Amino acid sequence: MNVTELFARLDGATIPGGCPDCDSETDIAIKNGVAHLSLHHDDDCPTWIRIQARR
């Protein structure tokens, strides 16, 4: 199984984790054959706070 096949099996899934600093979740979606990963941090996550401060 290659990476494309692996992500295709996970299309639409939400998996726990993705950030070592909070109880984040990662959504996986396949659009036009491309895997899109969306990481959702906790509001009080220090990593998320640093990311937002740079914007």
PDB file of N, CA and C in Angstrom:
ATOM      1  N   MET A   1       0.866  -1.179   0.000  1.00  0.00           N
ATOM      2  CA  MET A   1       0.000   0.000   0.000  1.00  0.00           C
ATOM      3  C   MET A   1       0.906   1.233   0.000  1.00  0.00           C
ATOM      4  N   ASN A   2       0.620   2.177  -0.897  1.00  0.00           N
ATOM      5  CA  ASN A   2       1.392   3.415  -0.906  1.00  0.00           C
ATOM      6  C   ASN A   2       0.666   4.492  -0.098  1.00  0.00           C
ATOM      7  N   VAL A   3       1.290   5.657   0.013  1.00  0.00           N
ATOM      8  CA  VAL A   3       0.730   6.730   0.831  1.00  0.00           C
ATOM      9  C   VAL A   3      -0.625   7.188   0.293  1.00  0.00           C
ATOM     10  N   THR A   4      -0.753   7.278  -1.012  1.00  0.00           N
ATOM     11  CA  THR A   4      -2.027   7.703  -1.611  1.00  0.00           C
ATOM     12  C   THR A   4      -3.150   6.748  -1.247  1.00  0.00           C
ATOM     13  N   GLU A   5      -2.885   5.457  -1.303  1.00  0.00           N
ATOM     14  CA  GLU A   5      -3.894   4.452  -0.938  1.00  0.00           C
ATOM     15  C   GLU A   5      -4.224   4.524   0.539  1.00  0.00           C
ATOM     16  N   LEU A   6      -3.217   4.763   1.370  1.00  0.00           N
ATOM     17  CA  LEU A   6      -3.444   4.864   2.813  1.00  0.00           C
ATOM     18  C   LEU A   6      -4.369   6.037   3.128  1.00  0.00           C
ATOM     19  N   PHE A   7      -4.057   7.212   2.571  1.00  0.00           N
ATOM     20  CA  PHE A   7      -4.904   8.378   2.825  1.00  0.00           C
ATOM     21  C   PHE A   7      -6.296   8.190   2.236  1.00  0.00           C
ATOM     22  N   ALA A   8      -6.415   7.511   1.111  1.00  0.00           N
ATOM     23  CA  ALA A   8      -7.732   7.258   0.513  1.00  0.00           C
ATOM     24  C   ALA A   8      -8.609   6.460   1.472  1.00  0.00           C
ATOM     25  N   ARG A   9      -8.006   5.539   2.187  1.00  0.00           N
ATOM     26  CA  ARG A   9      -8.773   4.752   3.170  1.00  0.00           C
ATOM     27  C   ARG A   9      -9.201   5.599   4.359  1.00  0.00           C
ATOM     28  N   LEU A  10      -8.450   6.656   4.632  1.00  0.00           N
ATOM     29  CA  LEU A  10      -8.748   7.521   5.777  1.00  0.00           C
ATOM     30  C   LEU A  10      -9.592   8.740   5.404  1.00  0.00           C
ATOM     31  N   ASP A  11      -9.982   8.855   4.148  1.00  0.00           N
ATOM     32  CA  ASP A  11     -10.763  10.008   3.700  1.00  0.00           C
ATOM     33  C   ASP A  11     -12.006  10.178   4.570  1.00  0.00           C
ATOM     34  N   GLY A  12     -12.168  11.377   5.110  1.00  0.00           N
ATOM     35  CA  GLY A  12     -13.321  11.683   5.961  1.00  0.00           C
ATOM     36  C   GLY A  12     -13.105  11.372   7.434  1.00  0.00           C
ATOM     37  N   ALA A  13     -11.956  10.807   7.767  1.00  0.00           N
ATOM     38  CA  ALA A  13     -11.695  10.419   9.153  1.00  0.00           C
ATOM     39  C   ALA A  13     -11.202  11.604   9.980  1.00  0.00           C
ATOM     40  N   THR A  14     -11.481  11.550  11.260  1.00  0.00           N
ATOM     41  CA  THR A  14     -10.891  12.439  12.242  1.00  0.00           C
ATOM     42  C   THR A  14     -10.108  11.566  13.201  1.00  0.00           C
ATOM     43  N   ILE A  15      -8.815  11.849  13.314  1.00  0.00           N
ATOM     44  CA  ILE A  15      -7.962  11.029  14.171  1.00  0.00           C
ATOM     45  C   ILE A  15      -7.421  11.885  15.308  1.00  0.00           C
ATOM     46  N   PRO A  16      -7.230  11.279  16.475  1.00  0.00           N
ATOM     47  CA  PRO A  16      -6.694  12.038  17.598  1.00  0.00           C
ATOM     48  C   PRO A  16      -5.215  12.340  17.385  1.00  0.00           C
ATOM     49  N   GLY A  17      -4.810  13.485  17.906  1.00  0.00           N
ATOM     50  CA  GLY A  17      -3.396  13.818  17.884  1.00  0.00           C
ATOM     51  C   GLY A  17      -2.995  14.707  16.735  1.00  0.00           C
ATOM     52  N   GLY A  18      -1.711  15.029  16.729  1.00  0.00           N
ATOM     53  CA  GLY A  18      -1.138  15.889  15.714  1.00  0.00           C
ATOM     54  C   GLY A  18      -0.322  17.012  16.333  1.00  0.00           C
ATOM     55  N   CYS A  19      -0.580  17.291  17.602  1.00  0.00           N
ATOM     56  CA  CYS A  19       0.167  18.316  18.323  1.00  0.00           C
ATOM     57  C   CYS A  19       0.594  17.741  19.673  1.00  0.00           C
ATOM     58  N   PRO A  20       1.871  17.863  20.006  1.00  0.00           N
ATOM     59  CA  PRO A  20       2.324  17.323  21.296  1.00  0.00           C
ATOM     60  C   PRO A  20       1.916  18.178  22.495  1.00  0.00           C
ATOM     61  N   ASP A  21       1.389  19.390  22.241  1.00  0.00           N
ATOM     62  CA  ASP A  21       1.079  20.310  23.333  1.00  0.00           C
ATOM     63  C   ASP A  21      -0.386  20.364  23.735  1.00  0.00           C
ATOM     64  N   CYS A  22      -1.271  19.652  23.011  1.00  0.00           N
ATOM     65  CA  CYS A  22      -2.694  19.698  23.361  1.00  0.00           C
ATOM     66  C   CYS A  22      -3.397  18.425  22.878  1.00  0.00           C
ATOM     67  N   ASP A  23      -4.674  18.340  23.145  1.00  0.00           N
ATOM     68  CA  ASP A  23      -5.484  17.195  22.719  1.00  0.00           C
ATOM     69  C   ASP A  23      -6.102  17.482  21.349  1.00  0.00           C
ATOM     70  N   SER A  24      -5.243  17.756  20.384  1.00  0.00           N
ATOM     71  CA  SER A  24      -5.708  18.129  19.050  1.00  0.00           C
ATOM     72  C   SER A  24      -6.322  16.946  18.319  1.00  0.00           C
ATOM     73  N   GLU A  25      -7.024  17.267  17.245  1.00  0.00           N
ATOM     74  CA  GLU A  25      -7.565  16.265  16.332  1.00  0.00           C
ATOM     75  C   GLU A  25      -7.184  16.673  14.922  1.00  0.00           C
ATOM     76  N   THR A  26      -7.019  15.689  14.059  1.00  0.00           N
ATOM     77  CA  THR A  26      -6.664  15.934  12.667  1.00  0.00           C
ATOM     78  C   THR A  26      -7.736  15.359  11.760  1.00  0.00           C
ATOM     79  N   ASP A  27      -8.284  16.212  10.894  1.00  0.00           N
ATOM     80  CA  ASP A  27      -9.257  15.779   9.884  1.00  0.00           C
ATOM     81  C   ASP A  27      -8.496  15.451   8.607  1.00  0.00           C
ATOM     82  N   ILE A  28      -8.907  14.383   7.939  1.00  0.00           N
ATOM     83  CA  ILE A  28      -8.297  13.970   6.680  1.00  0.00           C
ATOM     84  C   ILE A  28      -9.361  14.002   5.591  1.00  0.00           C
ATOM     85  N   ALA A  29      -9.052  14.704   4.504  1.00  0.00           N
ATOM     86  CA  ALA A  29      -9.970  14.780   3.371  1.00  0.00           C
ATOM     87  C   ALA A  29      -9.164  14.635   2.081  1.00  0.00           C
ATOM     88  N   ILE A  30      -9.707  13.924   1.122  1.00  0.00           N
ATOM     89  CA  ILE A  30      -9.082  13.785  -0.187  1.00  0.00           C
ATOM     90  C   ILE A  30      -9.884  14.620  -1.172  1.00  0.00           C
ATOM     91  N   LYS A  31      -9.219  15.558  -1.829  1.00  0.00           N
ATOM     92  CA  LYS A  31      -9.859  16.422  -2.832  1.00  0.00           C
ATOM     93  C   LYS A  31      -9.019  16.380  -4.096  1.00  0.00           C
ATOM     94  N   ASN A  32      -9.626  15.935  -5.179  1.00  0.00           N
ATOM     95  CA  ASN A  32      -8.936  15.827  -6.468  1.00  0.00           C
ATOM     96  C   ASN A  32      -7.639  15.021  -6.359  1.00  0.00           C
ATOM     97  N   GLY A  33      -7.675  13.975  -5.543  1.00  0.00           N
ATOM     98  CA  GLY A  33      -6.523  13.097  -5.406  1.00  0.00           C
ATOM     99  C   GLY A  33      -5.431  13.610  -4.485  1.00  0.00           C
ATOM    100  N   VAL A  34      -5.662  14.739  -3.831  1.00  0.00           N
ATOM    101  CA  VAL A  34      -4.676  15.329  -2.924  1.00  0.00           C
ATOM    102  C   VAL A  34      -5.186  15.217  -1.491  1.00  0.00           C
ATOM    103  N   ALA A  35      -4.332  14.741  -0.589  1.00  0.00           N
ATOM    104  CA  ALA A  35      -4.705  14.617   0.821  1.00  0.00           C
ATOM    105  C   ALA A  35      -4.577  15.972   1.502  1.00  0.00           C
ATOM    106  N   HIS A  36      -5.635  16.374   2.205  1.00  0.00           N
ATOM    107  CA  HIS A  36      -5.640  17.614   2.977  1.00  0.00           C
ATOM    108  C   HIS A  36      -5.790  17.235   4.449  1.00  0.00           C
ATOM    109  N   LEU A  37      -4.831  17.650   5.254  1.00  0.00           N
ATOM    110  CA  LEU A  37      -4.869  17.394   6.689  1.00  0.00           C
ATOM    111  C   LEU A  37      -5.149  18.709   7.396  1.00  0.00           C
ATOM    112  N   SER A  38      -6.159  18.739   8.240  1.00  0.00           N
ATOM    113  CA  SER A  38      -6.525  19.938   8.998  1.00  0.00           C
ATOM    114  C   SER A  38      -6.374  19.632  10.480  1.00  0.00           C
ATOM    115  N   LEU A  39      -5.467  20.325  11.119  1.00  0.00           N
ATOM    116  CA  LEU A  39      -5.185  20.119  12.532  1.00  0.00           C
ATOM    117  C   LEU A  39      -5.980  21.123  13.353  1.00  0.00           C
ATOM    118  N   HIS A  40      -6.699  20.636  14.349  1.00  0.00           N
ATOM    119  CA  HIS A  40      -7.528  21.484  15.212  1.00  0.00           C
ATOM    120  C   HIS A  40      -6.965  21.440  16.631  1.00  0.00           C
ATOM    121  N   HIS A  41      -6.322  22.563  17.030  1.00  0.00           N
ATOM    122  CA  HIS A  41      -5.731  22.680  18.360  1.00  0.00           C
ATOM    123  C   HIS A  41      -6.786  23.057  19.390  1.00  0.00           C
ATOM    124  N   ASP A  42      -6.479  22.806  20.656  1.00  0.00           N
ATOM    125  CA  ASP A  42      -7.281  23.354  21.749  1.00  0.00           C
ATOM    126  C   ASP A  42      -7.064  24.873  21.768  1.00  0.00           C
ATOM    127  N   ASP A  43      -8.049  25.631  22.220  1.00  0.00           N
ATOM    128  CA  ASP A  43      -7.934  27.091  22.250  1.00  0.00           C
ATOM    129  C   ASP A  43      -6.782  27.576  23.122  1.00  0.00           C
ATOM    130  N   ASP A  44      -6.454  26.831  24.172  1.00  0.00           N
ATOM    131  CA  ASP A  44      -5.389  27.268  25.082  1.00  0.00           C
ATOM    132  C   ASP A  44      -4.044  26.582  24.800  1.00  0.00           C
ATOM    133  N   CYS A  45      -3.905  25.985  23.637  1.00  0.00           N
ATOM    134  CA  CYS A  45      -2.667  25.301  23.257  1.00  0.00           C
ATOM    135  C   CYS A  45      -1.545  26.326  23.050  1.00  0.00           C
ATOM    136  N   PRO A  46      -0.392  26.144  23.700  1.00  0.00           N
ATOM    137  CA  PRO A  46       0.694  27.113  23.536  1.00  0.00           C
ATOM    138  C   PRO A  46       1.212  27.192  22.092  1.00  0.00           C
ATOM    139  N   THR A  47       1.204  26.095  21.386  1.00  0.00           N
ATOM    140  CA  THR A  47       1.630  26.119  19.980  1.00  0.00           C
ATOM    141  C   THR A  47       0.652  26.937  19.151  1.00  0.00           C
ATOM    142  N   TRP A  48      -0.647  26.728  19.345  1.00  0.00           N
ATOM    143  CA  TRP A  48      -1.669  27.482  18.619  1.00  0.00           C
ATOM    144  C   TRP A  48      -1.568  28.977  18.937  1.00  0.00           C
ATOM    145  N   ILE A  49      -1.337  29.307  20.187  1.00  0.00           N
ATOM    146  CA  ILE A  49      -1.200  30.707  20.595  1.00  0.00           C
ATOM    147  C   ILE A  49       0.000  31.349  19.889  1.00  0.00           C
ATOM    148  N   ARG A  50       1.128  30.635  19.789  1.00  0.00           N
ATOM    149  CA  ARG A  50       2.297  31.154  19.077  1.00  0.00           C
ATOM    150  C   ARG A  50       2.006  31.347  17.584  1.00  0.00           C
ATOM    151  N   ILE A  51       1.298  30.408  16.984  1.00  0.00           N
ATOM    152  CA  ILE A  51       0.949  30.523  15.555  1.00  0.00           C
ATOM    153  C   ILE A  51       0.087  31.763  15.331  1.00  0.00           C
ATOM    154  N   GLN A  52      -0.906  31.965  16.183  1.00  0.00           N
ATOM    155  CA  GLN A  52      -1.805  33.107  16.036  1.00  0.00           C
ATOM    156  C   GLN A  52      -1.086  34.430  16.269  1.00  0.00           C
ATOM    157  N   ALA A  53      -0.099  34.444  17.147  1.00  0.00           N
ATOM    158  CA  ALA A  53       0.639  35.680  17.465  1.00  0.00           C
ATOM    159  C   ALA A  53       1.460  36.148  16.262  1.00  0.00           C
ATOM    160  N   ARG A  54       1.834  35.239  15.376  1.00  0.00           N
ATOM    161  CA  ARG A  54       2.632  35.599  14.189  1.00  0.00           C
ATOM    162  C   ARG A  54       1.790  36.193  13.073  1.00  0.00           C
ATOM    163  N   ARG A  55       0.500  36.091  13.160  1.00  0.00           N
ATOM    164  CA  ARG A  55      -0.374  36.572  12.082  1.00  0.00           C
ATOM    165  C   ARG A  55      -0.639  38.048  12.205  1.00  0.00           C
TER     166      ARG A  55
END
